[in-house]
């Protein structure tokens, strides 16, 4: 889910690492929202906060590192409904 969000919002990026903490169970068929937020950008290396919520409650969180094709100069939070 997170590689798809990052890749579609930052074309040409390489998804390098991910750490996750599972905070709650999600059943097949439930709707969740994935949120990705840039927390640090240093040259081409970008660290993201990654969160999945269900009904407003965090069920998964962590961080991800991606390498951009060029240095990131501006950014904003993006979210995605994986059912789309």
PDB file of N, CA and C in Angstrom:
ATOM      1  N   UNK A   1       0.821  -1.184   0.000  1.00  0.00           N
ATOM      2  CA  UNK A   1       0.000   0.000   0.000  1.00  0.00           C
ATOM      3  C   UNK A   1       0.877   1.264   0.000  1.00  0.00           C
ATOM      4  N   UNK A   2       1.833   1.359   0.945  1.00  0.00           N
ATOM      5  CA  UNK A   2       2.646   2.568   1.030  1.00  0.00           C
ATOM      6  C   UNK A   2       3.559   2.761  -0.187  1.00  0.00           C
ATOM      7  N   UNK A   3       4.193   1.700  -0.708  1.00  0.00           N
ATOM      8  CA  UNK A   3       4.999   1.911  -1.916  1.00  0.00           C
ATOM      9  C   UNK A   3       4.169   2.468  -3.072  1.00  0.00           C
ATOM     10  N   UNK A   4       2.926   2.024  -3.191  1.00  0.00           N
ATOM     11  CA  UNK A   4       2.052   2.514  -4.252  1.00  0.00           C
ATOM     12  C   UNK A   4       1.735   4.002  -4.066  1.00  0.00           C
ATOM     13  N   UNK A   5       1.440   4.394  -2.836  1.00  0.00           N
ATOM     14  CA  UNK A   5       1.131   5.808  -2.564  1.00  0.00           C
ATOM     15  C   UNK A   5       2.345   6.682  -2.840  1.00  0.00           C
ATOM     16  N   UNK A   6       3.496   6.273  -2.326  1.00  0.00           N
ATOM     17  CA  UNK A   6       4.711   7.071  -2.518  1.00  0.00           C
ATOM     18  C   UNK A   6       5.084   7.107  -3.995  1.00  0.00           C
ATOM     19  N   UNK A   7       5.054   5.953  -4.665  1.00  0.00           N
ATOM     20  CA  UNK A   7       5.410   5.902  -6.082  1.00  0.00           C
ATOM     21  C   UNK A   7       4.494   6.721  -6.972  1.00  0.00           C
ATOM     22  N   UNK A   8       3.196   6.755  -6.656  1.00  0.00           N
ATOM     23  CA  UNK A   8       2.269   7.521  -7.494  1.00  0.00           C
ATOM     24  C   UNK A   8       2.356   9.020  -7.230  1.00  0.00           C
ATOM     25  N   UNK A   9       2.789   9.407  -6.032  1.00  0.00           N
ATOM     26  CA  UNK A   9       2.924  10.830  -5.723  1.00  0.00           C
ATOM     27  C   UNK A   9       4.329  11.361  -5.976  1.00  0.00           C
ATOM     28  N   UNK A  10       5.305  10.472  -6.050  1.00  0.00           N
ATOM     29  CA  UNK A  10       6.690  10.844  -6.304  1.00  0.00           C
ATOM     30  C   UNK A  10       7.243   9.908  -7.385  1.00  0.00           C
ATOM     31  N   UNK A  11       6.826  10.125  -8.648  1.00  0.00           N
ATOM     32  CA  UNK A  11       7.253   9.239  -9.740  1.00  0.00           C
ATOM     33  C   UNK A  11       8.777   9.154  -9.823  1.00  0.00           C
ATOM     34  N   UNK A  12       9.266   7.947 -10.050  1.00  0.00           N
ATOM     35  CA  UNK A  12      10.707   7.731 -10.162  1.00  0.00           C
ATOM     36  C   UNK A  12      11.386   7.442  -8.837  1.00  0.00           C
ATOM     37  N   UNK A  13      10.628   7.507  -7.733  1.00  0.00           N
ATOM     38  CA  UNK A  13      11.229   7.226  -6.426  1.00  0.00           C
ATOM     39  C   UNK A  13      11.475   5.729  -6.261  1.00  0.00           C
ATOM     40  N   UNK A  14      12.445   5.403  -5.414  1.00  0.00           N
ATOM     41  CA  UNK A  14      12.759   4.014  -5.095  1.00  0.00           C
ATOM     42  C   UNK A  14      12.435   3.812  -3.626  1.00  0.00           C
ATOM     43  N   UNK A  15      11.542   2.883  -3.347  1.00  0.00           N
ATOM     44  CA  UNK A  15      11.116   2.573  -1.982  1.00  0.00           C
ATOM     45  C   UNK A  15      12.219   1.733  -1.346  1.00  0.00           C
ATOM     46  N   UNK A  16      12.911   2.271  -0.338  1.00  0.00           N
ATOM     47  CA  UNK A  16      14.108   1.621   0.192  1.00  0.00           C
ATOM     48  C   UNK A  16      13.844   0.776   1.437  1.00  0.00           C
ATOM     49  N   UNK A  17      13.195   1.335   2.462  1.00  0.00           N
ATOM     50  CA  UNK A  17      12.946   0.583   3.701  1.00  0.00           C
ATOM     51  C   UNK A  17      11.602   0.969   4.298  1.00  0.00           C
ATOM     52  N   UNK A  18      11.108   0.079   5.167  1.00  0.00           N
ATOM     53  CA  UNK A  18       9.837   0.319   5.859  1.00  0.00           C
ATOM     54  C   UNK A  18       9.903  -0.349   7.228  1.00  0.00           C
ATOM     55  N   UNK A  19       9.460   0.355   8.274  1.00  0.00           N
ATOM     56  CA  UNK A  19       9.262  -0.278   9.581  1.00  0.00           C
ATOM     57  C   UNK A  19       7.814  -0.041   9.979  1.00  0.00           C
ATOM     58  N   UNK A  20       7.175  -1.074  10.524  1.00  0.00           N
ATOM     59  CA  UNK A  20       5.753  -1.004  10.843  1.00  0.00           C
ATOM     60  C   UNK A  20       5.490  -1.500  12.258  1.00  0.00           C
ATOM     61  N   UNK A  21       4.489  -0.911  12.897  1.00  0.00           N
ATOM     62  CA  UNK A  21       3.974  -1.405  14.180  1.00  0.00           C
ATOM     63  C   UNK A  21       2.471  -1.604  14.007  1.00  0.00           C
ATOM     64  N   UNK A  22       2.019  -2.823  14.230  1.00  0.00           N
ATOM     65  CA  UNK A  22       0.602  -3.146  14.103  1.00  0.00           C
ATOM     66  C   UNK A  22      -0.097  -2.833  15.420  1.00  0.00           C
ATOM     67  N   UNK A  23      -1.102  -1.966  15.372  1.00  0.00           N
ATOM     68  CA  UNK A  23      -1.799  -1.484  16.575  1.00  0.00           C
ATOM     69  C   UNK A  23      -3.189  -2.081  16.747  1.00  0.00           C
ATOM     70  N   UNK A  24      -3.708  -2.707  15.706  1.00  0.00           N
ATOM     71  CA  UNK A  24      -5.049  -3.285  15.779  1.00  0.00           C
ATOM     72  C   UNK A  24      -5.302  -4.168  14.577  1.00  0.00           C
ATOM     73  N   UNK A  25      -6.283  -5.027  14.695  1.00  0.00           N
ATOM     74  CA  UNK A  25      -6.628  -5.956  13.612  1.00  0.00           C
ATOM     75  C   UNK A  25      -7.572  -5.290  12.613  1.00  0.00           C
ATOM     76  N   UNK A  26      -7.425  -5.680  11.361  1.00  0.00           N
ATOM     77  CA  UNK A  26      -8.316  -5.247  10.287  1.00  0.00           C
ATOM     78  C   UNK A  26      -8.806  -6.508   9.586  1.00  0.00           C
ATOM     79  N   UNK A  27     -10.095  -6.596   9.388  1.00  0.00           N
ATOM     80  CA  UNK A  27     -10.689  -7.762   8.747  1.00  0.00           C
ATOM     81  C   UNK A  27     -10.793  -7.542   7.237  1.00  0.00           C
ATOM     82  N   UNK A  28     -10.775  -8.622   6.495  1.00  0.00           N
ATOM     83  CA  UNK A  28     -10.941  -8.558   5.045  1.00  0.00           C
ATOM     84  C   UNK A  28     -12.264  -7.854   4.742  1.00  0.00           C
ATOM     85  N   UNK A  29     -12.212  -6.907   3.821  1.00  0.00           N
ATOM     86  CA  UNK A  29     -13.413  -6.183   3.415  1.00  0.00           C
ATOM     87  C   UNK A  29     -13.627  -4.872   4.149  1.00  0.00           C
ATOM     88  N   UNK A  30     -12.897  -4.642   5.248  1.00  0.00           N
ATOM     89  CA  UNK A  30     -13.037  -3.374   5.968  1.00  0.00           C
ATOM     90  C   UNK A  30     -12.348  -2.260   5.187  1.00  0.00           C
ATOM     91  N   UNK A  31     -12.886  -1.065   5.282  1.00  0.00           N
ATOM     92  CA  UNK A  31     -12.302   0.102   4.636  1.00  0.00           C
ATOM     93  C   UNK A  31     -11.310   0.747   5.584  1.00  0.00           C
ATOM     94  N   UNK A  32     -10.114   1.058   5.058  1.00  0.00           N
ATOM     95  CA  UNK A  32      -9.081   1.740   5.827  1.00  0.00           C
ATOM     96  C   UNK A  32      -8.591   2.941   5.021  1.00  0.00           C
ATOM     97  N   UNK A  33      -7.935   3.855   5.710  1.00  0.00           N
ATOM     98  CA  UNK A  33      -7.308   5.000   5.045  1.00  0.00           C
ATOM     99  C   UNK A  33      -5.820   4.967   5.342  1.00  0.00           C
ATOM    100  N   UNK A  34      -5.005   5.090   4.304  1.00  0.00           N
ATOM    101  CA  UNK A  34      -3.556   5.147   4.448  1.00  0.00           C
ATOM    102  C   UNK A  34      -3.111   6.595   4.305  1.00  0.00           C
ATOM    103  N   UNK A  35      -2.275   7.041   5.241  1.00  0.00           N
ATOM    104  CA  UNK A  35      -1.775   8.410   5.228  1.00  0.00           C
ATOM    105  C   UNK A  35      -0.254   8.368   5.196  1.00  0.00           C
ATOM    106  N   UNK A  36       0.334   9.139   4.307  1.00  0.00           N
ATOM    107  CA  UNK A  36       1.783   9.218   4.168  1.00  0.00           C
ATOM    108  C   UNK A  36       2.176  10.690   4.281  1.00  0.00           C
ATOM    109  N   UNK A  37       3.116  10.981   5.178  1.00  0.00           N
ATOM    110  CA  UNK A  37       3.538  12.358   5.401  1.00  0.00           C
ATOM    111  C   UNK A  37       5.060  12.424   5.408  1.00  0.00           C
ATOM    112  N   UNK A  38       5.621  13.363   4.663  1.00  0.00           N
ATOM    113  CA  UNK A  38       7.070  13.573   4.677  1.00  0.00           C
ATOM    114  C   UNK A  38       7.447  14.175   6.028  1.00  0.00           C
ATOM    115  N   UNK A  39       8.404  13.531   6.709  1.00  0.00           N
ATOM    116  CA  UNK A  39       8.869  14.060   7.992  1.00  0.00           C
ATOM    117  C   UNK A  39      10.265  14.644   7.899  1.00  0.00           C
ATOM    118  N   UNK A  40      11.037  14.190   6.899  1.00  0.00           N
ATOM    119  CA  UNK A  40      12.389  14.729   6.730  1.00  0.00           C
ATOM    120  C   UNK A  40      12.833  14.505   5.297  1.00  0.00           C
ATOM    121  N   UNK A  41      13.423  15.519   4.715  1.00  0.00           N
ATOM    122  CA  UNK A  41      13.986  15.405   3.375  1.00  0.00           C
ATOM    123  C   UNK A  41      15.416  15.930   3.420  1.00  0.00           C
ATOM    124  N   UNK A  42      16.356  15.103   3.016  1.00  0.00           N
ATOM    125  CA  UNK A  42      17.774  15.488   2.970  1.00  0.00           C
ATOM    126  C   UNK A  42      18.310  15.066   1.612  1.00  0.00           C
ATOM    127  N   UNK A  43      18.396  16.018   0.708  1.00  0.00           N
ATOM    128  CA  UNK A  43      18.806  15.684  -0.651  1.00  0.00           C
ATOM    129  C   UNK A  43      17.766  14.792  -1.294  1.00  0.00           C
ATOM    130  N   UNK A  44      18.215  13.652  -1.807  1.00  0.00           N
ATOM    131  CA  UNK A  44      17.304  12.717  -2.462  1.00  0.00           C
ATOM    132  C   UNK A  44      16.662  11.736  -1.487  1.00  0.00           C
ATOM    133  N   UNK A  45      17.126  11.698  -0.250  1.00  0.00           N
ATOM    134  CA  UNK A  45      16.596  10.756   0.749  1.00  0.00           C
ATOM    135  C   UNK A  45      15.434  11.415   1.494  1.00  0.00           C
ATOM    136  N   UNK A  46      14.291  10.728   1.514  1.00  0.00           N
ATOM    137  CA  UNK A  46      13.092  11.271   2.141  1.00  0.00           C
ATOM    138  C   UNK A  46      12.529  10.241   3.117  1.00  0.00           C
ATOM    139  N   UNK A  47      12.258  10.684   4.342  1.00  0.00           N
ATOM    140  CA  UNK A  47      11.648   9.824   5.351  1.00  0.00           C
ATOM    141  C   UNK A  47      10.179  10.204   5.476  1.00  0.00           C
ATOM    142  N   UNK A  48       9.330   9.190   5.490  1.00  0.00           N
ATOM    143  CA  UNK A  48       7.889   9.375   5.567  1.00  0.00           C
ATOM    144  C   UNK A  48       7.344   8.772   6.860  1.00  0.00           C
ATOM    145  N   UNK A  49       6.341   9.426   7.440  1.00  0.00           N
ATOM    146  CA  UNK A  49       5.524   8.814   8.479  1.00  0.00           C
ATOM    147  C   UNK A  49       4.414   8.087   7.743  1.00  0.00           C
ATOM    148  N   UNK A  50       4.141   6.832   8.126  1.00  0.00           N
ATOM    149  CA  UNK A  50       3.103   6.044   7.474  1.00  0.00           C
ATOM    150  C   UNK A  50       2.084   5.602   8.527  1.00  0.00           C
ATOM    151  N   UNK A  51       0.812   5.809   8.217  1.00  0.00           N
ATOM    152  CA  UNK A  51      -0.259   5.492   9.166  1.00  0.00           C
ATOM    153  C   UNK A  51      -1.434   4.884   8.407  1.00  0.00           C
ATOM    154  N   UNK A  52      -2.059   3.881   9.008  1.00  0.00           N
ATOM    155  CA  UNK A  52      -3.320   3.352   8.494  1.00  0.00           C
ATOM    156  C   UNK A  52      -4.356   3.496   9.601  1.00  0.00           C
ATOM    157  N   UNK A  53      -5.517   4.051   9.241  1.00  0.00           N
ATOM    158  CA  UNK A  53      -6.600   4.205  10.214  1.00  0.00           C
ATOM    159  C   UNK A  53      -7.842   3.466   9.730  1.00  0.00           C
ATOM    160  N   UNK A  54      -8.639   3.056  10.701  1.00  0.00           N
ATOM    161  CA  UNK A  54      -9.953   2.469  10.435  1.00  0.00           C
ATOM    162  C   UNK A  54     -10.921   3.181  11.357  1.00  0.00           C
ATOM    163  N   UNK A  55     -11.906   3.845  10.787  1.00  0.00           N
ATOM    164  CA  UNK A  55     -12.885   4.610  11.582  1.00  0.00           C
ATOM    165  C   UNK A  55     -12.190   5.602  12.515  1.00  0.00           C
ATOM    166  N   UNK A  56     -11.122   6.234  12.032  1.00  0.00           N
ATOM    167  CA  UNK A  56     -10.419   7.245  12.804  1.00  0.00           C
ATOM    168  C   UNK A  56      -9.424   6.714  13.824  1.00  0.00           C
ATOM    169  N   UNK A  57      -9.311   5.399  13.977  1.00  0.00           N
ATOM    170  CA  UNK A  57      -8.378   4.806  14.930  1.00  0.00           C
ATOM    171  C   UNK A  57      -7.155   4.261  14.195  1.00  0.00           C
ATOM    172  N   UNK A  58      -5.972   4.510  14.731  1.00  0.00           N
ATOM    173  CA  UNK A  58      -4.738   4.015  14.129  1.00  0.00           C
ATOM    174  C   UNK A  58      -4.649   2.505  14.328  1.00  0.00           C
ATOM    175  N   UNK A  59      -4.483   1.776  13.223  1.00  0.00           N
ATOM    176  CA  UNK A  59      -4.319   0.324  13.300  1.00  0.00           C
ATOM    177  C   UNK A  59      -2.918  -0.110  12.866  1.00  0.00           C
ATOM    178  N   UNK A  60      -2.161   0.805  12.275  1.00  0.00           N
ATOM    179  CA  UNK A  60      -0.793   0.528  11.859  1.00  0.00           C
ATOM    180  C   UNK A  60      -0.065   1.855  11.728  1.00  0.00           C
ATOM    181  N   UNK A  61       1.190   1.916  12.179  1.00  0.00           N
ATOM    182  CA  UNK A  61       2.004   3.109  11.945  1.00  0.00           C
ATOM    183  C   UNK A  61       3.463   2.715  11.803  1.00  0.00           C
ATOM    184  N   UNK A  62       4.240   3.632  11.252  1.00  0.00           N
ATOM    185  CA  UNK A  62       5.653   3.355  11.052  1.00  0.00           C
ATOM    186  C   UNK A  62       6.321   4.454  10.252  1.00  0.00           C
ATOM    187  N   UNK A  63       7.480   4.105   9.694  1.00  0.00           N
ATOM    188  CA  UNK A  63       8.231   5.041   8.864  1.00  0.00           C
ATOM    189  C   UNK A  63       8.706   4.326   7.605  1.00  0.00           C
ATOM    190  N   UNK A  64       8.964   5.111   6.588  1.00  0.00           N
ATOM    191  CA  UNK A  64       9.489   4.574   5.330  1.00  0.00           C
ATOM    192  C   UNK A  64      10.572   5.511   4.814  1.00  0.00           C
ATOM    193  N   UNK A  65      11.523   4.955   4.092  1.00  0.00           N
ATOM    194  CA  UNK A  65      12.569   5.729   3.445  1.00  0.00           C
ATOM    195  C   UNK A  65      12.472   5.495   1.950  1.00  0.00           C
ATOM    196  N   UNK A  66      12.471   6.574   1.194  1.00  0.00           N
ATOM    197  CA  UNK A  66      12.480   6.470  -0.263  1.00  0.00           C
ATOM    198  C   UNK A  66      13.574   7.375  -0.816  1.00  0.00           C
ATOM    199  N   UNK A  67      14.139   6.956  -1.920  1.00  0.00           N
ATOM    200  CA  UNK A  67      15.156   7.733  -2.619  1.00  0.00           C
ATOM    201  C   UNK A  67      14.483   8.357  -3.839  1.00  0.00           C
ATOM    202  N   UNK A  68      14.556   9.673  -3.920  1.00  0.00           N
ATOM    203  CA  UNK A  68      13.923  10.411  -5.010  1.00  0.00           C
ATOM    204  C   UNK A  68      14.867  10.537  -6.199  1.00  0.00           C
ATOM    205  N   UNK A  69      14.328  10.732  -7.395  1.00  0.00           N
ATOM    206  CA  UNK A  69      15.191  10.917  -8.565  1.00  0.00           C
ATOM    207  C   UNK A  69      15.926  12.258  -8.530  1.00  0.00           C
ATOM    208  N   UNK A  70      15.380  13.234  -7.788  1.00  0.00           N
ATOM    209  CA  UNK A  70      16.037  14.525  -7.598  1.00  0.00           C
ATOM    210  C   UNK A  70      15.652  15.037  -6.211  1.00  0.00           C
ATOM    211  N   UNK A  71      16.427  15.970  -5.646  1.00  0.00           N
ATOM    212  CA  UNK A  71      16.109  16.457  -4.299  1.00  0.00           C
ATOM    213  C   UNK A  71      14.682  16.992  -4.202  1.00  0.00           C
ATOM    214  N   UNK A  72      14.040  16.717  -3.091  1.00  0.00           N
ATOM    215  CA  UNK A  72      12.671  17.164  -2.842  1.00  0.00           C
ATOM    216  C   UNK A  72      12.709  18.587  -2.312  1.00  0.00           C
ATOM    217  N   UNK A  73      11.946  19.490  -2.942  1.00  0.00           N
ATOM    218  CA  UNK A  73      11.970  20.891  -2.526  1.00  0.00           C
ATOM    219  C   UNK A  73      10.725  21.314  -1.776  1.00  0.00           C
ATOM    220  N   UNK A  74       9.590  20.660  -2.012  1.00  0.00           N
ATOM    221  CA  UNK A  74       8.363  20.969  -1.279  1.00  0.00           C
ATOM    222  C   UNK A  74       7.530  19.698  -1.193  1.00  0.00           C
ATOM    223  N   UNK A  75       6.673  19.631  -0.190  1.00  0.00           N
ATOM    224  CA  UNK A  75       5.888  18.428   0.001  1.00  0.00           C
ATOM    225  C   UNK A  75       4.694  18.711   0.887  1.00  0.00           C
ATOM    226  N   UNK A  76       3.710  17.795   0.856  1.00  0.00           N
ATOM    227  CA  UNK A  76       2.528  17.880   1.715  1.00  0.00           C
ATOM    228  C   UNK A  76       2.027  16.463   1.980  1.00  0.00           C
ATOM    229  N   UNK A  77       1.190  16.318   2.984  1.00  0.00           N
ATOM    230  CA  UNK A  77       0.638  15.008   3.312  1.00  0.00           C
ATOM    231  C   UNK A  77      -0.282  14.533   2.186  1.00  0.00           C
ATOM    232  N   UNK A  78      -0.258  13.245   1.926  1.00  0.00           N
ATOM    233  CA  UNK A  78      -1.162  12.653   0.947  1.00  0.00           C
ATOM    234  C   UNK A  78      -1.847  11.459   1.598  1.00  0.00           C
ATOM    235  N   UNK A  79      -3.046  11.177   1.167  1.00  0.00           N
ATOM    236  CA  UNK A  79      -3.732   9.994   1.686  1.00  0.00           C
ATOM    237  C   UNK A  79      -4.340   9.251   0.513  1.00  0.00           C
ATOM    238  N   UNK A  80      -4.672   8.012   0.769  1.00  0.00           N
ATOM    239  CA  UNK A  80      -5.202   7.187  -0.305  1.00  0.00           C
ATOM    240  C   UNK A  80      -6.189   6.184   0.267  1.00  0.00           C
ATOM    241  N   UNK A  81      -7.293   6.004  -0.419  1.00  0.00           N
ATOM    242  CA  UNK A  81      -8.244   4.953  -0.079  1.00  0.00           C
ATOM    243  C   UNK A  81      -7.901   3.781  -0.982  1.00  0.00           C
ATOM    244  N   UNK A  82      -7.333   2.686  -0.423  1.00  0.00           N
ATOM    245  CA  UNK A  82      -6.877   1.582  -1.261  1.00  0.00           C
ATOM    246  C   UNK A  82      -7.990   0.852  -1.993  1.00  0.00           C
ATOM    247  N   UNK A  83      -9.244   1.162  -1.689  1.00  0.00           N
ATOM    248  CA  UNK A  83     -10.340   0.511  -2.402  1.00  0.00           C
ATOM    249  C   UNK A  83     -10.615   1.168  -3.743  1.00  0.00           C
ATOM    250  N   UNK A  84      -9.978   2.317  -4.024  1.00  0.00           N
ATOM    251  CA  UNK A  84     -10.168   2.998  -5.315  1.00  0.00           C
ATOM    252  C   UNK A  84      -9.276   2.414  -6.373  1.00  0.00           C
TER     253      UNK A  84
END
